[in-house]
Structures are given as C-alpha cells and as structure tokens.
Amino acid sequence: MSRTLDAQTALDRYFLETRCKIIEIAANLDRIAEGTGASAAQRDPRLAQIQEAIRVLTSDANDKAAACQLVFSQNYDDGWNAPNA
C-alpha cells in the first residue's frame, strides 16, 4: 500500500494550513521591514537565510523540504566536539 498522498488529496488536505503559514511569514517579514532598526535587520544573515528559503520554495526544485533544511543548516565541522552534558 502506498503511503504517498495523491497530489489533489494533498492539496485538499493542506491548503488552508499552508495558506495560513504563508500569510504568517508575510506578516513577520512586514514587521521586520517596518520595525525600528529595519535597515540593520536587512543585513542580518538570518534574514538572508529566510529569503533564500523562500527562493527555494518558489523554484522548480525537487525535495524542497530538504533544500530548505540545508539553507538553515551549518556546514559540517570535522573538528566539532559535542559539549559534555
């Protein structure tokens, strides 16, 4: 049995949730653009990551979730040591 939804079922099931998240992202970007210190925020690397992830979402790329995850991931550091807990 296939665990993958057909496209129309996925659209029907997730449309409202997706629409809500897109509007929420737009509102957050408006807050950043219109807030005090907006010009400094425009230079923040996190905002650049958000903008790059949006470019991924609007591209024809396959596996957009993985591509977006990579945008927010740090590069692998072979010398990294886990902190002692």
N, C-alpha and C. Protein backbone atom coordinates (compact mmCIF):
# COMPACT_ATOMS: atom_id res chain seq x y z
N MET A 1 0.84 -1.19 0.00
CA MET A 1 0.00 0.00 0.00
C MET A 1 0.88 1.25 0.00
N SER A 2 0.59 2.19 -0.87
CA SER A 2 1.37 3.41 -0.99
C SER A 2 1.07 4.35 0.18
N ARG A 3 2.12 4.95 0.73
CA ARG A 3 1.95 5.90 1.82
C ARG A 3 1.94 7.33 1.30
N THR A 4 2.14 7.53 0.01
CA THR A 4 2.17 8.85 -0.58
C THR A 4 0.76 9.26 -0.98
N LEU A 5 0.39 10.47 -0.60
CA LEU A 5 -0.91 11.00 -1.00
C LEU A 5 -0.87 11.39 -2.46
N ASP A 6 -2.00 11.24 -3.14
CA ASP A 6 -2.03 11.79 -4.50
C ASP A 6 -2.08 13.31 -4.36
N ALA A 7 -1.66 13.99 -5.42
CA ALA A 7 -1.47 15.44 -5.39
C ALA A 7 -2.75 16.18 -4.99
N GLN A 8 -3.88 15.81 -5.55
CA GLN A 8 -5.12 16.53 -5.26
C GLN A 8 -5.52 16.35 -3.80
N THR A 9 -5.34 15.15 -3.25
CA THR A 9 -5.65 14.91 -1.84
C THR A 9 -4.74 15.74 -0.95
N ALA A 10 -3.45 15.82 -1.30
CA ALA A 10 -2.51 16.62 -0.51
C ALA A 10 -2.92 18.09 -0.56
N LEU A 11 -3.27 18.59 -1.73
CA LEU A 11 -3.70 19.98 -1.86
C LEU A 11 -4.96 20.24 -1.05
N ASP A 12 -5.93 19.34 -1.17
CA ASP A 12 -7.18 19.50 -0.42
C ASP A 12 -6.92 19.49 1.09
N ARG A 13 -6.07 18.60 1.53
CA ARG A 13 -5.82 18.41 2.97
C ARG A 13 -5.00 19.55 3.57
N TYR A 14 -4.03 20.08 2.83
CA TYR A 14 -3.07 21.01 3.42
C TYR A 14 -3.19 22.45 2.93
N PHE A 15 -4.15 22.75 2.06
CA PHE A 15 -4.26 24.09 1.51
C PHE A 15 -4.43 25.16 2.58
N LEU A 16 -5.40 25.00 3.46
CA LEU A 16 -5.69 26.05 4.45
C LEU A 16 -4.52 26.24 5.41
N GLU A 17 -3.92 25.15 5.86
CA GLU A 17 -2.76 25.23 6.75
C GLU A 17 -1.59 25.94 6.06
N THR A 18 -1.34 25.60 4.81
CA THR A 18 -0.25 26.21 4.06
C THR A 18 -0.52 27.69 3.83
N ARG A 19 -1.74 28.02 3.45
CA ARG A 19 -2.12 29.42 3.25
C ARG A 19 -1.88 30.23 4.52
N CYS A 20 -2.26 29.68 5.65
CA CYS A 20 -2.08 30.34 6.94
C CYS A 20 -0.61 30.60 7.23
N LYS A 21 0.23 29.61 6.97
CA LYS A 21 1.67 29.77 7.23
C LYS A 21 2.29 30.81 6.30
N ILE A 22 1.86 30.84 5.06
CA ILE A 22 2.39 31.84 4.12
C ILE A 22 2.01 33.25 4.56
N ILE A 23 0.76 33.43 4.98
CA ILE A 23 0.32 34.75 5.46
C ILE A 23 1.08 35.13 6.73
N GLU A 24 1.33 34.16 7.60
CA GLU A 24 2.10 34.43 8.82
C GLU A 24 3.53 34.86 8.49
N ILE A 25 4.16 34.19 7.53
CA ILE A 25 5.51 34.57 7.10
C ILE A 25 5.50 35.98 6.52
N ALA A 26 4.52 36.28 5.68
CA ALA A 26 4.42 37.62 5.10
C ALA A 26 4.27 38.68 6.19
N ALA A 27 3.46 38.40 7.18
CA ALA A 27 3.27 39.36 8.28
C ALA A 27 4.57 39.54 9.07
N ASN A 28 5.30 38.47 9.30
CA ASN A 28 6.58 38.58 10.00
C ASN A 28 7.58 39.40 9.21
N LEU A 29 7.63 39.19 7.89
CA LEU A 29 8.53 39.97 7.05
C LEU A 29 8.13 41.44 7.04
N ASP A 30 6.83 41.72 7.07
CA ASP A 30 6.36 43.11 7.17
C ASP A 30 6.82 43.73 8.49
N ARG A 31 6.72 42.98 9.59
CA ARG A 31 7.16 43.50 10.89
C ARG A 31 8.64 43.85 10.87
N ILE A 32 9.44 42.99 10.24
CA ILE A 32 10.88 43.23 10.15
C ILE A 32 11.14 44.47 9.30
N ALA A 33 10.48 44.57 8.16
CA ALA A 33 10.72 45.67 7.24
C ALA A 33 10.25 47.01 7.80
N GLU A 34 9.22 47.00 8.62
CA GLU A 34 8.62 48.24 9.10
C GLU A 34 9.04 48.61 10.51
N GLY A 35 9.79 47.73 11.18
CA GLY A 35 10.17 47.97 12.56
C GLY A 35 11.34 48.94 12.70
N THR A 36 11.52 49.44 13.91
CA THR A 36 12.66 50.28 14.22
C THR A 36 13.93 49.47 13.98
N GLY A 37 14.90 50.06 13.32
CA GLY A 37 16.15 49.36 13.02
C GLY A 37 16.04 48.43 11.84
N ALA A 38 15.09 48.67 10.96
CA ALA A 38 14.86 47.79 9.82
C ALA A 38 16.09 47.68 8.92
N SER A 39 16.84 48.77 8.76
CA SER A 39 18.00 48.70 7.87
C SER A 39 19.06 47.77 8.42
N ALA A 40 19.25 47.74 9.73
CA ALA A 40 20.20 46.80 10.33
C ALA A 40 19.71 45.37 10.18
N ALA A 41 18.41 45.16 10.35
CA ALA A 41 17.85 43.82 10.21
C ALA A 41 18.02 43.29 8.79
N GLN A 42 17.99 44.19 7.82
CA GLN A 42 18.16 43.77 6.42
C GLN A 42 19.53 43.16 6.18
N ARG A 43 20.51 43.48 7.02
CA ARG A 43 21.86 42.94 6.87
C ARG A 43 22.09 41.68 7.72
N ASP A 44 21.09 41.28 8.48
CA ASP A 44 21.22 40.12 9.36
C ASP A 44 21.25 38.84 8.52
N PRO A 45 22.23 37.96 8.74
CA PRO A 45 22.32 36.73 7.94
C PRO A 45 21.09 35.82 8.07
N ARG A 46 20.39 35.91 9.17
CA ARG A 46 19.18 35.08 9.32
C ARG A 46 18.11 35.49 8.34
N LEU A 47 17.99 36.79 8.10
CA LEU A 47 17.01 37.26 7.11
C LEU A 47 17.41 36.78 5.72
N ALA A 48 18.70 36.77 5.44
CA ALA A 48 19.17 36.25 4.16
C ALA A 48 18.82 34.77 4.02
N GLN A 49 18.90 34.02 5.12
CA GLN A 49 18.51 32.61 5.07
C GLN A 49 17.02 32.47 4.76
N ILE A 50 16.21 33.28 5.41
CA ILE A 50 14.76 33.24 5.15
C ILE A 50 14.49 33.55 3.68
N GLN A 51 15.15 34.57 3.15
CA GLN A 51 14.95 34.94 1.76
C GLN A 51 15.40 33.83 0.81
N GLU A 52 16.50 33.17 1.14
CA GLU A 52 16.98 32.06 0.31
C GLU A 52 15.99 30.88 0.37
N ALA A 53 15.46 30.60 1.54
CA ALA A 53 14.48 29.52 1.67
C ALA A 53 13.22 29.82 0.85
N ILE A 54 12.81 31.08 0.82
CA ILE A 54 11.65 31.46 0.01
C ILE A 54 11.96 31.25 -1.47
N ARG A 55 13.19 31.56 -1.89
CA ARG A 55 13.59 31.29 -3.29
C ARG A 55 13.50 29.79 -3.59
N VAL A 56 13.92 28.97 -2.64
CA VAL A 56 13.81 27.51 -2.82
C VAL A 56 12.35 27.12 -3.00
N LEU A 57 11.49 27.67 -2.14
CA LEU A 57 10.07 27.33 -2.20
C LEU A 57 9.43 27.71 -3.53
N THR A 58 9.90 28.79 -4.12
CA THR A 58 9.29 29.25 -5.37
C THR A 58 10.00 28.71 -6.61
N SER A 59 11.00 27.86 -6.40
CA SER A 59 11.74 27.28 -7.52
C SER A 59 11.07 26.00 -8.01
N ASP A 60 11.61 25.45 -9.07
CA ASP A 60 11.13 24.17 -9.59
C ASP A 60 11.89 22.99 -8.98
N ALA A 61 12.69 23.25 -7.97
CA ALA A 61 13.50 22.20 -7.35
C ALA A 61 12.62 21.09 -6.76
N ASN A 62 13.15 19.89 -6.82
CA ASN A 62 12.51 18.76 -6.14
C ASN A 62 12.98 18.74 -4.69
N ASP A 63 12.21 18.10 -3.83
CA ASP A 63 12.56 17.93 -2.42
C ASP A 63 12.85 19.27 -1.75
N LYS A 64 11.87 20.15 -1.82
CA LYS A 64 12.01 21.49 -1.26
C LYS A 64 12.26 21.47 0.24
N ALA A 65 11.69 20.52 0.95
CA ALA A 65 11.91 20.45 2.40
C ALA A 65 13.39 20.24 2.72
N ALA A 66 14.03 19.32 2.03
CA ALA A 66 15.45 19.07 2.26
C ALA A 66 16.28 20.28 1.86
N ALA A 67 15.95 20.91 0.76
CA ALA A 67 16.70 22.08 0.30
C ALA A 67 16.57 23.23 1.30
N CYS A 68 15.38 23.44 1.84
CA CYS A 68 15.19 24.49 2.84
C CYS A 68 15.96 24.16 4.12
N GLN A 69 15.95 22.90 4.52
CA GLN A 69 16.70 22.50 5.71
C GLN A 69 18.18 22.82 5.53
N LEU A 70 18.71 22.58 4.35
CA LEU A 70 20.12 22.88 4.08
C LEU A 70 20.41 24.37 4.17
N VAL A 71 19.45 25.21 3.77
CA VAL A 71 19.64 26.65 3.88
C VAL A 71 19.90 27.05 5.33
N PHE A 72 19.20 26.41 6.26
CA PHE A 72 19.29 26.77 7.67
C PHE A 72 20.33 25.96 8.44
N SER A 73 20.99 25.04 7.79
CA SER A 73 21.97 24.18 8.46
C SER A 73 23.35 24.80 8.44
N GLN A 74 24.13 24.46 9.43
CA GLN A 74 25.52 24.87 9.46
C GLN A 74 26.34 23.88 8.65
N ASN A 75 27.45 24.35 8.12
CA ASN A 75 28.35 23.45 7.41
C ASN A 75 28.95 22.45 8.38
N TYR A 76 29.23 21.27 7.88
CA TYR A 76 29.84 20.22 8.70
C TYR A 76 31.22 20.66 9.17
N ASP A 77 31.48 20.47 10.45
CA ASP A 77 32.78 20.81 11.05
C ASP A 77 33.36 19.54 11.62
N ASP A 78 34.37 19.01 10.96
CA ASP A 78 35.00 17.74 11.37
C ASP A 78 35.61 17.86 12.77
N GLY A 79 35.99 19.07 13.19
CA GLY A 79 36.62 19.25 14.48
C GLY A 79 35.67 19.57 15.60
N TRP A 80 34.37 19.57 15.32
CA TRP A 80 33.38 19.92 16.35
C TRP A 80 33.30 18.84 17.40
N ASN A 81 33.28 19.23 18.65
CA ASN A 81 33.13 18.29 19.77
C ASN A 81 31.83 18.61 20.48
N ALA A 82 31.05 17.59 20.74
CA ALA A 82 29.80 17.78 21.47
C ALA A 82 30.10 18.25 22.89
N PRO A 83 29.30 19.17 23.40
CA PRO A 83 29.53 19.62 24.79
C PRO A 83 29.24 18.49 25.77
N ASN A 84 29.96 18.49 26.86
CA ASN A 84 29.71 17.48 27.90
C ASN A 84 28.46 17.86 28.66
N ALA A 85 27.57 16.89 28.79
CA ALA A 85 26.31 17.17 29.47
C ALA A 85 26.38 16.83 30.93
